[in-house]
Amino acid sequence: MRNADVTSVTVDDVPLQPRLDLRALSLNGYEWGYVGSGPYQLALDILAHEVGDRRALGNYRSFCENTIARLKADTWVLQGDQIEASLQGVVEVDMTLEQLLNKVRGIS
């Protein structure tokens, strides 16, 4: 929920805990409706809560770009099955396309 300049995100009426221990993407809190540091942190933290740390780290970027950035309302709800569905068929690699192609070609 967003009210004036304050945002709050809860899971089952309990505030979502920032997972800065996984990756500190935003020190200014959560945001949504665009791609940026606040939405990326929100995506990471929702996924860490819902699907675990490792899967969250591998998928938070695409989850942000495909789901969190598209949330336009000040109040919204995401269900677990919606979160899981948004991850289906997504494979995220932690390297640039050039690095991936060089790896496939056997070039260091």
Protein backbone atom coordinates (compact mmCIF):
# COMPACT_ATOMS: atom_id res chain seq x y z
CA MET A 1 0.00 0.00 0.00
CA ARG A 2 1.20 3.49 -0.81
CA ASN A 3 -0.08 6.50 1.16
CA ALA A 4 1.41 9.90 0.37
CA ASP A 5 5.17 9.35 0.72
CA VAL A 6 4.96 6.12 2.75
CA THR A 7 4.91 2.64 1.29
CA SER A 8 4.27 -0.56 3.19
CA VAL A 9 4.28 -4.15 2.03
CA THR A 10 2.87 -6.93 4.18
CA VAL A 11 2.59 -10.69 3.90
CA ASP A 12 -0.38 -12.05 5.82
CA ASP A 13 -0.63 -8.71 7.68
CA VAL A 14 3.03 -8.86 8.78
CA PRO A 15 5.51 -6.34 7.32
CA LEU A 16 7.75 -7.87 4.64
CA GLN A 17 11.30 -7.95 5.95
CA PRO A 18 14.00 -6.37 3.75
CA ARG A 19 16.60 -8.94 2.74
CA LEU A 20 19.58 -6.63 2.46
CA ASP A 21 21.69 -9.61 3.50
CA LEU A 22 20.98 -11.16 0.09
CA ARG A 23 21.51 -8.02 -1.94
CA ALA A 24 21.18 -4.37 -0.95
CA LEU A 25 19.44 -2.90 -3.98
CA SER A 26 17.60 -0.05 -2.26
CA LEU A 27 18.19 1.56 1.10
CA ASN A 28 15.19 3.85 0.57
CA GLY A 29 12.47 1.22 0.86
CA TYR A 30 10.09 -0.46 -1.51
CA GLU A 31 8.45 0.93 -4.62
CA TRP A 32 6.57 -0.43 -7.64
CA GLY A 33 5.18 0.69 -10.96
CA TYR A 34 8.53 1.14 -12.71
CA VAL A 35 11.97 -0.50 -12.98
CA GLY A 36 14.44 0.82 -10.42
CA SER A 37 16.18 0.11 -7.14
CA GLY A 38 13.05 0.16 -4.93
CA PRO A 39 11.08 -2.19 -7.20
CA TYR A 40 14.09 -4.51 -7.57
CA GLN A 41 14.42 -4.74 -3.77
CA LEU A 42 10.71 -5.46 -3.47
CA ALA A 43 10.92 -8.18 -6.12
CA LEU A 44 13.90 -9.80 -4.40
CA ASP A 45 12.28 -9.71 -0.97
CA ILE A 46 8.92 -11.06 -2.15
CA LEU A 47 10.63 -13.91 -3.97
CA ALA A 48 12.93 -14.70 -1.03
CA HIS A 49 9.87 -14.99 1.18
CA GLU A 50 7.85 -17.00 -1.33
CA VAL A 51 10.35 -19.27 -3.13
CA GLY A 52 13.60 -19.11 -1.15
CA ASP A 53 16.85 -17.18 -1.30
CA ARG A 54 18.59 -18.97 -4.16
CA ARG A 55 15.63 -18.87 -6.52
CA ALA A 56 14.97 -15.25 -5.55
CA LEU A 57 18.51 -14.20 -6.44
CA GLY A 58 18.21 -15.87 -9.82
CA ASN A 59 14.84 -14.43 -10.74
CA TYR A 60 14.27 -11.06 -9.07
CA ARG A 61 15.20 -8.99 -12.13
CA SER A 62 12.69 -10.65 -14.45
CA PHE A 63 10.05 -10.74 -11.68
CA CYS A 64 10.50 -7.00 -11.20
CA GLU A 65 10.37 -6.19 -14.90
CA ASN A 66 7.42 -8.49 -15.64
CA THR A 67 5.36 -8.08 -12.47
CA ILE A 68 6.43 -5.43 -9.94
CA ALA A 69 7.06 -2.72 -12.55
CA ARG A 70 3.56 -3.31 -13.95
CA LEU A 71 1.76 -2.71 -10.65
CA LYS A 72 0.18 0.72 -11.11
CA ALA A 73 -2.30 0.93 -8.22
CA ASP A 74 -1.43 2.28 -4.77
CA THR A 75 -2.90 -0.89 -3.23
CA TRP A 76 -2.42 -4.36 -4.70
CA VAL A 77 -2.33 -8.03 -3.72
CA LEU A 78 -0.18 -10.82 -5.18
CA GLN A 79 -1.11 -14.41 -4.40
CA GLY A 80 1.48 -17.18 -4.14
CA ASP A 81 0.16 -18.91 -7.26
CA GLN A 82 0.48 -15.65 -9.23
CA ILE A 83 4.08 -15.28 -8.10
CA GLU A 84 4.87 -18.88 -9.03
CA ALA A 85 3.16 -18.50 -12.42
CA SER A 86 5.24 -15.41 -13.19
CA LEU A 87 8.40 -17.49 -12.75
CA GLN A 88 7.39 -20.32 -15.08
CA GLY A 89 9.62 -20.57 -18.13
CA VAL A 90 12.04 -17.90 -16.90
CA VAL A 91 15.74 -18.69 -16.82
CA GLU A 92 18.00 -15.91 -15.62
CA VAL A 93 21.77 -16.05 -15.92
CA ASP A 94 24.15 -13.85 -13.99
CA MET A 95 26.29 -12.79 -16.95
CA THR A 96 26.06 -10.62 -20.02
CA LEU A 97 24.98 -12.05 -23.36
CA GLU A 98 28.54 -11.64 -24.65
CA GLN A 99 29.93 -13.59 -21.66
CA LEU A 100 27.35 -16.34 -22.20
CA LEU A 101 28.14 -16.61 -25.91
CA ASN A 102 31.89 -16.73 -25.19
CA LYS A 103 31.29 -19.49 -22.65
CA VAL A 104 29.28 -21.50 -25.16
CA ARG A 105 32.00 -20.96 -27.78
CA GLY A 106 34.71 -21.99 -25.29
CA ILE A 107 36.35 -18.56 -25.27
CA SER A 108 37.59 -17.28 -21.90
